[in-house]
């Protein structure tokens, strides 16, 4: 979306902060290359709710970031409905560097967000798995959770807590996303 409007995603926080939750009524289903969760490999992106009043680069960018976040929450809810419980969310990778997106995730999920000090999450996770495998060659019996507790630390300066007013403000736009998701399932069923 940033490229479409001629700015860098590094400027994305400015655009998110210039708008309100719900992107002025825009809803983006960000399935530009199909989607794995939900299982819609043939899906295409869809933008709805466009009016003359909300057609701005900032709202389009926010709608894209909200759409990606809503899609993550949809997957998260599948885990929660299976009985899993979470006291925080850990963000890694490039998006974790966006203060506005970290806050959006905390607000949409209504759960605190943490960011590890180690920025290369995938490589660090692979190294931890290798260490766990080596540690358990004998009868050490160390669990992966114990290993992670020993080696993973979080950058408290990047942590976000949900803001009550935004948690409330995201409920209707998220429900709108889910309603649109139901509609496109019929269009893109494999």
N, C-alpha and C. Protein backbone atom coordinates (compact mmCIF):
# COMPACT_ATOMS: atom_id res chain seq x y z
N UNK A 1 0.83 -1.19 0.00
CA UNK A 1 0.00 0.00 0.00
C UNK A 1 0.88 1.25 0.00
N UNK A 2 1.97 1.20 0.76
CA UNK A 2 2.88 2.35 0.78
C UNK A 2 3.43 2.60 -0.62
N UNK A 3 3.85 1.55 -1.28
CA UNK A 3 4.40 1.70 -2.63
C UNK A 3 3.35 2.23 -3.59
N UNK A 4 2.11 1.79 -3.46
CA UNK A 4 1.02 2.25 -4.32
C UNK A 4 0.85 3.76 -4.22
N UNK A 5 1.04 4.30 -3.02
CA UNK A 5 0.87 5.74 -2.81
C UNK A 5 2.18 6.52 -2.80
N UNK A 6 3.29 5.85 -3.13
CA UNK A 6 4.55 6.54 -3.32
C UNK A 6 5.28 6.94 -2.05
N UNK A 7 5.10 6.20 -0.97
CA UNK A 7 5.89 6.47 0.22
C UNK A 7 6.51 5.17 0.71
N UNK A 8 7.46 5.28 1.61
CA UNK A 8 8.12 4.10 2.17
C UNK A 8 7.32 3.57 3.35
N UNK A 9 7.37 2.25 3.53
CA UNK A 9 6.70 1.68 4.71
C UNK A 9 7.33 2.22 5.99
N UNK A 10 8.55 2.75 5.89
CA UNK A 10 9.17 3.37 7.06
C UNK A 10 8.40 4.62 7.51
N UNK A 11 7.61 5.17 6.58
CA UNK A 11 6.76 6.32 6.91
C UNK A 11 5.37 5.88 7.34
N UNK A 12 5.16 4.58 7.45
CA UNK A 12 3.84 4.05 7.75
C UNK A 12 3.29 4.49 9.08
N UNK A 13 4.12 4.56 10.11
CA UNK A 13 3.64 4.97 11.42
C UNK A 13 2.98 6.34 11.36
N UNK A 14 3.56 7.23 10.60
CA UNK A 14 2.99 8.59 10.46
C UNK A 14 1.57 8.51 9.89
N UNK A 15 1.36 7.64 8.91
CA UNK A 15 0.05 7.50 8.29
C UNK A 15 -0.95 6.84 9.25
N UNK A 16 -0.50 5.84 10.00
CA UNK A 16 -1.38 5.19 10.97
C UNK A 16 -1.79 6.20 12.04
N UNK A 17 -0.84 6.97 12.54
CA UNK A 17 -1.13 7.93 13.60
C UNK A 17 -2.00 9.09 13.14
N UNK A 18 -2.09 9.30 11.83
CA UNK A 18 -2.92 10.38 11.28
C UNK A 18 -4.38 9.95 11.10
N UNK A 19 -4.69 8.70 11.43
CA UNK A 19 -6.04 8.16 11.22
C UNK A 19 -6.54 7.53 12.52
N UNK A 20 -7.78 7.10 12.49
CA UNK A 20 -8.39 6.47 13.66
C UNK A 20 -8.61 4.98 13.41
N UNK A 21 -8.73 4.18 14.47
CA UNK A 21 -9.06 2.77 14.29
C UNK A 21 -10.31 2.61 13.43
N UNK A 22 -10.22 1.66 12.51
CA UNK A 22 -11.32 1.43 11.58
C UNK A 22 -11.10 2.05 10.21
N UNK A 23 -10.03 2.81 10.05
CA UNK A 23 -9.63 3.38 8.75
C UNK A 23 -10.77 4.11 8.05
N UNK A 24 -11.58 4.82 8.82
CA UNK A 24 -12.67 5.59 8.21
C UNK A 24 -13.73 4.73 7.55
N UNK A 25 -13.80 3.45 7.92
CA UNK A 25 -14.79 2.55 7.32
C UNK A 25 -14.24 1.63 6.25
N UNK A 26 -12.96 1.79 5.90
CA UNK A 26 -12.35 0.88 4.92
C UNK A 26 -12.04 -0.46 5.57
N UNK A 27 -12.24 -1.51 4.80
CA UNK A 27 -11.86 -2.86 5.24
C UNK A 27 -11.07 -3.49 4.11
N UNK A 28 -9.87 -3.95 4.43
CA UNK A 28 -9.04 -4.63 3.43
C UNK A 28 -8.84 -6.08 3.85
N UNK A 29 -9.21 -6.99 2.96
CA UNK A 29 -8.85 -8.39 3.12
C UNK A 29 -7.53 -8.54 2.37
N UNK A 30 -6.42 -8.70 3.07
CA UNK A 30 -5.09 -8.60 2.46
C UNK A 30 -4.60 -9.88 1.80
N UNK A 31 -5.46 -10.53 1.06
CA UNK A 31 -5.11 -11.82 0.47
C UNK A 31 -4.55 -11.62 -0.93
N UNK A 32 -3.44 -10.92 -1.03
CA UNK A 32 -2.88 -10.56 -2.34
C UNK A 32 -2.18 -11.73 -3.01
N UNK A 33 -1.83 -12.74 -2.24
CA UNK A 33 -1.18 -13.94 -2.79
C UNK A 33 -1.88 -15.19 -2.28
N UNK A 34 -3.20 -15.16 -2.20
CA UNK A 34 -3.91 -16.25 -1.57
C UNK A 34 -3.73 -16.12 -0.07
N UNK A 35 -4.23 -17.08 0.68
CA UNK A 35 -4.09 -17.03 2.13
C UNK A 35 -4.02 -18.44 2.69
N UNK A 36 -3.21 -18.60 3.73
CA UNK A 36 -3.05 -19.90 4.38
C UNK A 36 -3.96 -20.03 5.60
N UNK A 37 -4.18 -18.93 6.32
CA UNK A 37 -5.06 -18.93 7.48
C UNK A 37 -5.95 -17.71 7.38
N UNK A 38 -7.18 -17.89 6.93
CA UNK A 38 -7.87 -19.13 6.65
C UNK A 38 -7.36 -19.79 5.37
N UNK A 39 -7.70 -21.04 5.19
CA UNK A 39 -7.22 -21.83 4.06
C UNK A 39 -7.95 -21.41 2.78
N UNK A 40 -7.44 -20.34 2.16
CA UNK A 40 -8.00 -19.82 0.92
C UNK A 40 -6.88 -19.54 -0.08
N UNK A 41 -6.24 -20.58 -0.60
CA UNK A 41 -5.08 -20.37 -1.47
C UNK A 41 -5.40 -19.62 -2.76
N UNK A 42 -6.65 -19.58 -3.17
CA UNK A 42 -7.03 -18.89 -4.40
C UNK A 42 -7.55 -17.48 -4.15
N UNK A 43 -7.61 -17.07 -2.90
CA UNK A 43 -8.19 -15.77 -2.54
C UNK A 43 -7.42 -14.61 -3.15
N UNK A 44 -8.13 -13.55 -3.36
CA UNK A 44 -7.57 -12.28 -3.84
C UNK A 44 -7.93 -11.20 -2.82
N UNK A 45 -7.17 -10.12 -2.83
CA UNK A 45 -7.44 -9.02 -1.92
C UNK A 45 -8.75 -8.35 -2.25
N UNK A 46 -9.37 -7.77 -1.24
CA UNK A 46 -10.62 -7.05 -1.44
C UNK A 46 -10.63 -5.83 -0.52
N UNK A 47 -11.01 -4.69 -1.09
CA UNK A 47 -11.13 -3.45 -0.34
C UNK A 47 -12.58 -3.02 -0.41
N UNK A 48 -13.20 -2.82 0.75
CA UNK A 48 -14.60 -2.42 0.78
C UNK A 48 -14.76 -1.18 1.66
N UNK A 49 -15.91 -0.52 1.50
CA UNK A 49 -16.24 0.63 2.32
C UNK A 49 -15.72 1.95 1.79
N UNK A 50 -15.26 1.97 0.56
CA UNK A 50 -14.64 3.17 -0.02
C UNK A 50 -15.69 4.25 -0.30
N UNK A 51 -15.43 5.46 0.18
CA UNK A 51 -16.27 6.62 -0.10
C UNK A 51 -15.37 7.79 -0.48
N UNK A 52 -15.99 8.86 -0.93
CA UNK A 52 -15.23 10.07 -1.26
C UNK A 52 -14.58 10.67 -0.01
N UNK A 53 -15.13 10.39 1.16
CA UNK A 53 -14.64 10.99 2.39
C UNK A 53 -13.49 10.21 3.03
N UNK A 54 -13.37 8.91 2.74
CA UNK A 54 -12.32 8.14 3.40
C UNK A 54 -11.19 7.72 2.46
N UNK A 55 -11.24 8.17 1.23
CA UNK A 55 -10.23 7.79 0.22
C UNK A 55 -8.97 8.63 0.38
N UNK A 56 -8.14 8.22 1.35
CA UNK A 56 -6.87 8.92 1.56
C UNK A 56 -5.77 7.89 1.66
N UNK A 57 -4.53 8.26 1.30
CA UNK A 57 -3.43 7.32 1.46
C UNK A 57 -3.29 6.80 2.89
N UNK A 58 -3.52 7.67 3.88
CA UNK A 58 -3.38 7.25 5.27
C UNK A 58 -4.42 6.20 5.63
N UNK A 59 -5.68 6.39 5.22
CA UNK A 59 -6.71 5.39 5.50
C UNK A 59 -6.44 4.08 4.77
N UNK A 60 -5.97 4.16 3.54
CA UNK A 60 -5.65 2.94 2.79
C UNK A 60 -4.53 2.18 3.50
N UNK A 61 -3.51 2.91 3.94
CA UNK A 61 -2.40 2.26 4.63
C UNK A 61 -2.87 1.64 5.94
N UNK A 62 -3.65 2.40 6.71
CA UNK A 62 -4.18 1.85 7.97
C UNK A 62 -5.04 0.63 7.69
N UNK A 63 -5.88 0.68 6.67
CA UNK A 63 -6.73 -0.47 6.33
C UNK A 63 -5.89 -1.70 6.01
N UNK A 64 -4.75 -1.49 5.34
CA UNK A 64 -3.86 -2.62 5.03
C UNK A 64 -3.26 -3.20 6.30
N UNK A 65 -2.80 -2.34 7.19
CA UNK A 65 -2.20 -2.81 8.44
C UNK A 65 -3.26 -3.45 9.35
N UNK A 66 -4.45 -2.85 9.38
CA UNK A 66 -5.52 -3.44 10.17
C UNK A 66 -5.93 -4.79 9.58
N UNK A 67 -6.04 -4.88 8.26
CA UNK A 67 -6.43 -6.14 7.63
C UNK A 67 -5.46 -7.25 7.96
N UNK A 68 -4.17 -6.96 7.90
CA UNK A 68 -3.16 -7.97 8.25
C UNK A 68 -3.27 -8.35 9.73
N UNK A 69 -3.53 -7.37 10.57
CA UNK A 69 -3.66 -7.62 12.01
C UNK A 69 -4.93 -8.40 12.32
N UNK A 70 -6.03 -8.04 11.67
CA UNK A 70 -7.29 -8.79 11.86
C UNK A 70 -7.12 -10.24 11.41
N UNK A 71 -6.39 -10.44 10.34
CA UNK A 71 -6.20 -11.81 9.87
C UNK A 71 -5.37 -12.61 10.88
N UNK A 72 -4.37 -11.98 11.49
CA UNK A 72 -3.61 -12.64 12.55
C UNK A 72 -4.52 -12.97 13.74
N UNK A 73 -5.39 -12.03 14.09
CA UNK A 73 -6.30 -12.26 15.22
C UNK A 73 -7.25 -13.41 14.90
N UNK A 74 -7.69 -13.51 13.67
CA UNK A 74 -8.57 -14.61 13.28
C UNK A 74 -7.88 -15.95 13.53
N UNK A 75 -6.61 -16.07 13.18
CA UNK A 75 -5.85 -17.28 13.46
C UNK A 75 -5.65 -17.49 14.95
N UNK A 76 -5.38 -16.42 15.67
CA UNK A 76 -5.20 -16.46 17.12
C UNK A 76 -6.47 -17.00 17.79
N UNK A 77 -7.63 -16.57 17.31
CA UNK A 77 -8.89 -17.02 17.89
C UNK A 77 -9.12 -18.51 17.67
N UNK A 78 -8.56 -19.06 16.61
CA UNK A 78 -8.65 -20.52 16.40
C UNK A 78 -7.89 -21.24 17.52
N UNK A 79 -6.72 -20.74 17.88
CA UNK A 79 -5.97 -21.33 19.00
C UNK A 79 -6.75 -21.17 20.30
N UNK A 80 -7.31 -19.98 20.52
CA UNK A 80 -8.06 -19.72 21.76
C UNK A 80 -9.29 -20.62 21.84
N UNK A 81 -9.97 -20.84 20.72
CA UNK A 81 -11.16 -21.70 20.75
C UNK A 81 -10.79 -23.16 20.98
N UNK A 82 -9.53 -23.51 20.74
CA UNK A 82 -9.05 -24.87 21.01
C UNK A 82 -8.58 -25.01 22.46
N UNK A 83 -8.74 -23.94 23.25
CA UNK A 83 -8.41 -24.01 24.66
C UNK A 83 -7.08 -23.40 25.06
N UNK A 84 -6.32 -22.89 24.10
CA UNK A 84 -5.03 -22.28 24.44
C UNK A 84 -5.27 -20.88 25.01
N UNK A 85 -4.46 -20.49 25.97
CA UNK A 85 -4.56 -19.17 26.59
C UNK A 85 -3.22 -18.46 26.48
N UNK A 86 -3.26 -17.15 26.32
CA UNK A 86 -2.05 -16.37 26.11
C UNK A 86 -2.08 -15.16 27.02
N UNK A 87 -0.93 -14.86 27.65
CA UNK A 87 -0.87 -13.67 28.48
C UNK A 87 -0.17 -12.51 27.78
N UNK A 88 0.46 -12.79 26.63
CA UNK A 88 1.05 -11.74 25.82
C UNK A 88 1.32 -12.28 24.41
N UNK A 89 1.60 -11.36 23.51
CA UNK A 89 1.96 -11.70 22.13
C UNK A 89 3.39 -11.24 21.92
N UNK A 90 4.17 -12.04 21.22
CA UNK A 90 5.55 -11.69 20.90
C UNK A 90 5.62 -11.37 19.41
N UNK A 91 6.09 -10.18 19.09
CA UNK A 91 6.27 -9.77 17.69
C UNK A 91 7.75 -9.80 17.35
N UNK A 92 8.08 -10.34 16.19
CA UNK A 92 9.45 -10.35 15.70
C UNK A 92 9.45 -9.87 14.26
N UNK A 93 10.62 -9.68 13.72
CA UNK A 93 10.74 -9.30 12.32
C UNK A 93 10.60 -7.80 12.11
N UNK A 94 10.53 -7.43 10.84
CA UNK A 94 10.52 -6.02 10.46
C UNK A 94 9.36 -5.23 11.02
N UNK A 95 8.16 -5.84 11.02
CA UNK A 95 6.99 -5.14 11.52
C UNK A 95 7.09 -4.78 12.99
N UNK A 96 7.86 -5.56 13.75
CA UNK A 96 8.01 -5.29 15.18
C UNK A 96 8.70 -3.95 15.42
N UNK A 97 9.37 -3.42 14.42
CA UNK A 97 10.02 -2.12 14.54
C UNK A 97 9.06 -0.95 14.44
N UNK A 98 7.81 -1.21 14.08
CA UNK A 98 6.81 -0.15 13.96
C UNK A 98 6.07 0.03 15.27
N UNK A 99 6.29 1.17 15.91
CA UNK A 99 5.62 1.45 17.19
C UNK A 99 4.10 1.49 17.00
N UNK A 100 3.64 2.07 15.90
CA UNK A 100 2.20 2.16 15.66
C UNK A 100 1.58 0.78 15.45
N UNK A 101 2.29 -0.10 14.75
CA UNK A 101 1.74 -1.44 14.52
C UNK A 101 1.77 -2.26 15.81
N UNK A 102 2.83 -2.16 16.59
CA UNK A 102 2.88 -2.87 17.87
C UNK A 102 1.67 -2.49 18.72
N UNK A 103 1.38 -1.19 18.77
CA UNK A 103 0.24 -0.72 19.56
C UNK A 103 -1.07 -1.22 18.96
N UNK A 104 -1.16 -1.22 17.63
CA UNK A 104 -2.36 -1.72 16.96
C UNK A 104 -2.60 -3.19 17.34
N UNK A 105 -1.55 -3.99 17.32
CA UNK A 105 -1.69 -5.40 17.68
C UNK A 105 -2.17 -5.54 19.12
N UNK A 106 -1.58 -4.80 20.04
CA UNK A 106 -2.00 -4.86 21.44
C UNK A 106 -3.48 -4.48 21.56
N UNK A 107 -3.90 -3.45 20.83
CA UNK A 107 -5.28 -2.98 20.92
C UNK A 107 -6.27 -3.94 20.26
N UNK A 108 -5.93 -4.46 19.09
CA UNK A 108 -6.83 -5.38 18.39
C UNK A 108 -6.98 -6.69 19.16
N UNK A 109 -5.87 -7.22 19.67
CA UNK A 109 -5.90 -8.49 20.39
C UNK A 109 -6.32 -8.32 21.85
N UNK A 110 -6.25 -7.10 22.37
CA UNK A 110 -6.53 -6.81 23.77
C UNK A 110 -5.60 -7.61 24.69
N UNK A 111 -4.35 -7.73 24.25
CA UNK A 111 -3.32 -8.48 24.98
C UNK A 111 -2.01 -7.69 24.88
N UNK A 112 -1.21 -7.66 25.93
CA UNK A 112 0.08 -6.96 25.84
C UNK A 112 0.99 -7.56 24.76
N UNK A 113 1.84 -6.72 24.20
CA UNK A 113 2.78 -7.11 23.16
C UNK A 113 4.20 -6.94 23.70
N UNK A 114 5.04 -7.93 23.40
CA UNK A 114 6.45 -7.85 23.76
C UNK A 114 7.29 -8.10 22.51
N UNK A 115 8.49 -7.54 22.50
CA UNK A 115 9.43 -7.71 21.40
C UNK A 115 10.75 -8.21 21.98
N UNK A 116 11.26 -9.34 21.46
CA UNK A 116 12.53 -9.86 21.98
C UNK A 116 13.69 -8.91 21.67
N UNK A 117 14.71 -8.95 22.50
CA UNK A 117 15.93 -8.17 22.24
C UNK A 117 16.63 -8.67 20.98
N UNK A 118 16.57 -9.99 20.77
CA UNK A 118 17.20 -10.59 19.58
C UNK A 118 16.29 -10.33 18.38
N UNK A 119 16.76 -9.50 17.44
CA UNK A 119 15.90 -9.10 16.32
C UNK A 119 15.76 -10.18 15.25
N UNK A 120 16.70 -11.08 15.16
CA UNK A 120 16.62 -12.16 14.16
C UNK A 120 15.90 -13.35 14.77
N UNK A 121 14.59 -13.24 14.91
CA UNK A 121 13.79 -14.24 15.60
C UNK A 121 13.88 -15.64 15.02
N UNK A 122 13.81 -15.77 13.69
CA UNK A 122 13.84 -17.10 13.08
C UNK A 122 15.19 -17.77 13.32
N UNK A 123 16.27 -17.04 13.10
CA UNK A 123 17.61 -17.61 13.30
C UNK A 123 17.84 -17.93 14.77
N UNK A 124 17.39 -17.04 15.66
CA UNK A 124 17.56 -17.28 17.09
C UNK A 124 16.76 -18.50 17.53
N UNK A 125 15.53 -18.64 17.01
CA UNK A 125 14.71 -19.80 17.33
C UNK A 125 15.35 -21.09 16.85
N UNK A 126 15.93 -21.07 15.66
CA UNK A 126 16.62 -22.26 15.15
C UNK A 126 17.83 -22.60 16.02
N UNK A 127 18.55 -21.57 16.46
CA UNK A 127 19.70 -21.82 17.35
C UNK A 127 19.24 -22.42 18.68
N UNK A 128 18.12 -21.93 19.20
CA UNK A 128 17.59 -22.49 20.45
C UNK A 128 17.17 -23.95 20.27
N UNK A 129 16.57 -24.26 19.11
CA UNK A 129 16.18 -25.65 18.85
C UNK A 129 17.41 -26.55 18.78
N UNK A 130 18.46 -26.05 18.14
CA UNK A 130 19.71 -26.83 18.06
C UNK A 130 20.30 -27.03 19.45
N UNK A 131 20.30 -25.97 20.26
CA UNK A 131 20.81 -26.09 21.63
C UNK A 131 19.97 -27.07 22.43
N UNK A 132 18.67 -27.02 22.27
CA UNK A 132 17.79 -27.95 22.98
C UNK A 132 18.09 -29.39 22.58
N UNK A 133 18.28 -29.61 21.27
CA UNK A 133 18.60 -30.96 20.78
C UNK A 133 19.91 -31.46 21.37
N UNK A 134 20.93 -30.59 21.36
CA UNK A 134 22.21 -30.97 21.94
C UNK A 134 22.10 -31.22 23.44
N UNK A 135 21.34 -30.40 24.13
CA UNK A 135 21.19 -30.53 25.58
C UNK A 135 20.45 -31.80 25.96
N UNK A 136 19.65 -32.31 25.08
CA UNK A 136 18.83 -33.48 25.39
C UNK A 136 19.36 -34.77 24.77
N UNK A 137 20.61 -34.77 24.31
CA UNK A 137 21.20 -36.00 23.77
C UNK A 137 21.36 -37.05 24.86
N UNK A 138 21.67 -36.58 26.03
CA UNK A 138 21.78 -37.51 27.18
C UNK A 138 20.46 -37.51 27.92
N UNK A 139 20.55 -37.50 29.22
CA UNK A 139 19.34 -37.49 30.04
C UNK A 139 19.16 -36.14 30.74
N UNK A 140 19.56 -35.07 30.09
CA UNK A 140 19.47 -33.75 30.72
C UNK A 140 18.03 -33.38 31.03
N UNK A 141 17.12 -33.70 30.13
CA UNK A 141 15.70 -33.48 30.37
C UNK A 141 15.28 -32.03 30.43
N UNK A 142 16.06 -31.12 29.88
CA UNK A 142 15.68 -29.71 29.89
C UNK A 142 14.54 -29.51 28.88
N UNK A 143 13.53 -28.79 29.29
CA UNK A 143 12.42 -28.53 28.37
C UNK A 143 12.76 -27.33 27.51
N UNK A 144 12.08 -27.23 26.39
CA UNK A 144 12.30 -26.09 25.52
C UNK A 144 11.87 -24.80 26.22
N UNK A 145 10.80 -24.87 26.99
CA UNK A 145 10.34 -23.69 27.73
C UNK A 145 11.40 -23.21 28.72
N UNK A 146 12.07 -24.14 29.40
CA UNK A 146 13.14 -23.76 30.33
C UNK A 146 14.29 -23.11 29.58
N UNK A 147 14.61 -23.67 28.44
CA UNK A 147 15.69 -23.11 27.62
C UNK A 147 15.34 -21.70 27.15
N UNK A 148 14.10 -21.53 26.70
CA UNK A 148 13.67 -20.20 26.24
C UNK A 148 13.68 -19.21 27.40
N UNK A 149 13.21 -19.63 28.56
CA UNK A 149 13.22 -18.74 29.73
C UNK A 149 14.63 -18.27 30.07
N UNK A 150 15.61 -19.13 29.84
CA UNK A 150 17.00 -18.79 30.14
C UNK A 150 17.60 -17.83 29.11
N UNK A 151 17.23 -18.00 27.84
CA UNK A 151 17.92 -17.28 26.77
C UNK A 151 17.14 -16.16 26.09
N UNK A 152 15.84 -16.12 26.25
CA UNK A 152 15.03 -15.09 25.58
C UNK A 152 14.74 -13.96 26.55
N UNK A 153 15.05 -12.74 26.13
CA UNK A 153 14.72 -11.57 26.93
C UNK A 153 14.00 -10.57 26.04
N UNK A 154 13.25 -9.70 26.67
CA UNK A 154 12.41 -8.76 25.92
C UNK A 154 12.88 -7.33 26.14
N UNK A 155 12.68 -6.51 25.12
CA UNK A 155 13.03 -5.10 25.18
C UNK A 155 11.82 -4.34 25.74
N UNK A 156 11.89 -4.00 27.01
CA UNK A 156 10.75 -3.35 27.68
C UNK A 156 10.39 -2.01 27.05
N UNK A 157 11.35 -1.35 26.40
CA UNK A 157 11.06 -0.07 25.75
C UNK A 157 10.13 -0.25 24.56
N UNK A 158 10.03 -1.46 24.01
CA UNK A 158 9.18 -1.73 22.85
C UNK A 158 7.86 -2.39 23.23
N UNK A 159 7.65 -2.68 24.50
CA UNK A 159 6.42 -3.33 24.95
C UNK A 159 5.24 -2.38 24.83
N UNK A 160 4.06 -2.95 24.57
CA UNK A 160 2.82 -2.18 24.47
C UNK A 160 1.73 -2.88 25.26
N UNK A 161 0.91 -2.09 25.91
CA UNK A 161 -0.28 -2.60 26.59
C UNK A 161 -1.50 -2.10 25.84
N UNK A 162 -2.57 -2.89 25.84
CA UNK A 162 -3.79 -2.45 25.15
C UNK A 162 -4.35 -1.18 25.78
N UNK A 163 -4.85 -0.30 24.93
CA UNK A 163 -5.52 0.92 25.38
C UNK A 163 -7.02 0.67 25.30
N UNK A 164 -7.71 0.78 26.40
CA UNK A 164 -9.14 0.42 26.50
C UNK A 164 -9.98 1.08 25.41
N UNK A 165 -9.77 2.37 25.17
CA UNK A 165 -10.60 3.06 24.19
C UNK A 165 -10.39 2.52 22.78
N UNK A 166 -9.17 2.08 22.47
CA UNK A 166 -8.91 1.52 21.14
C UNK A 166 -9.35 0.06 21.05
N UNK A 167 -9.27 -0.68 22.15
CA UNK A 167 -9.80 -2.05 22.16
C UNK A 167 -11.27 -2.00 21.77
N UNK A 168 -12.01 -1.08 22.37
CA UNK A 168 -13.43 -0.90 22.05
C UNK A 168 -13.61 -0.45 20.60
N UNK A 169 -12.78 0.49 20.16
CA UNK A 169 -12.93 1.05 18.81
C UNK A 169 -12.67 0.02 17.72
N UNK A 170 -11.88 -1.00 18.00
CA UNK A 170 -11.56 -2.02 16.99
C UNK A 170 -12.61 -3.13 16.90
N UNK A 171 -13.52 -3.22 17.84
CA UNK A 171 -14.47 -4.33 17.83
C UNK A 171 -15.34 -4.35 16.57
N UNK A 172 -15.94 -3.23 16.24
CA UNK A 172 -16.83 -3.18 15.06
C UNK A 172 -16.05 -3.38 13.76
N UNK A 173 -14.91 -2.71 13.56
CA UNK A 173 -14.16 -2.96 12.32
C UNK A 173 -13.68 -4.42 12.20
N UNK A 174 -13.32 -5.04 13.31
CA UNK A 174 -12.90 -6.44 13.25
C UNK A 174 -14.09 -7.34 12.88
N UNK A 175 -15.25 -7.05 13.44
CA UNK A 175 -16.44 -7.84 13.08
C UNK A 175 -16.76 -7.65 11.60
N UNK A 176 -16.58 -6.43 11.10
CA UNK A 176 -16.80 -6.17 9.67
C UNK A 176 -15.84 -7.01 8.84
N UNK A 177 -14.57 -7.10 9.27
CA UNK A 177 -13.58 -7.94 8.60
C UNK A 177 -14.06 -9.39 8.56
N UNK A 178 -14.53 -9.90 9.71
CA UNK A 178 -15.01 -11.28 9.77
C UNK A 178 -16.21 -11.50 8.86
N UNK A 179 -17.13 -10.53 8.81
CA UNK A 179 -18.28 -10.64 7.92
C UNK A 179 -17.85 -10.70 6.46
N UNK A 180 -16.88 -9.88 6.09
CA UNK A 180 -16.36 -9.90 4.73
C UNK A 180 -15.64 -11.21 4.43
N UNK A 181 -14.96 -11.74 5.43
CA UNK A 181 -14.26 -13.01 5.27
C UNK A 181 -15.24 -14.12 4.96
N UNK A 182 -16.38 -14.14 5.64
CA UNK A 182 -17.41 -15.14 5.36
C UNK A 182 -17.86 -15.03 3.90
N UNK A 183 -18.04 -13.79 3.43
CA UNK A 183 -18.51 -13.58 2.05
C UNK A 183 -17.49 -14.07 1.03
N UNK A 184 -16.20 -13.81 1.25
CA UNK A 184 -15.21 -14.22 0.23
C UNK A 184 -14.90 -15.70 0.27
N UNK A 185 -15.17 -16.36 1.38
CA UNK A 185 -14.96 -17.81 1.43
C UNK A 185 -15.72 -18.50 0.31
N UNK A 186 -16.91 -18.03 0.04
CA UNK A 186 -17.72 -18.62 -1.03
C UNK A 186 -17.13 -18.34 -2.40
N UNK A 187 -16.52 -17.20 -2.56
CA UNK A 187 -15.93 -16.83 -3.85
C UNK A 187 -14.66 -17.60 -4.14
N UNK A 188 -13.87 -17.88 -3.11
CA UNK A 188 -12.53 -18.44 -3.33
C UNK A 188 -12.34 -19.83 -2.74
N UNK A 189 -13.42 -20.54 -2.50
CA UNK A 189 -13.28 -21.91 -2.00
C UNK A 189 -12.50 -22.72 -3.03
N UNK A 190 -11.55 -23.52 -2.56
CA UNK A 190 -10.69 -24.31 -3.47
C UNK A 190 -11.49 -25.38 -4.18
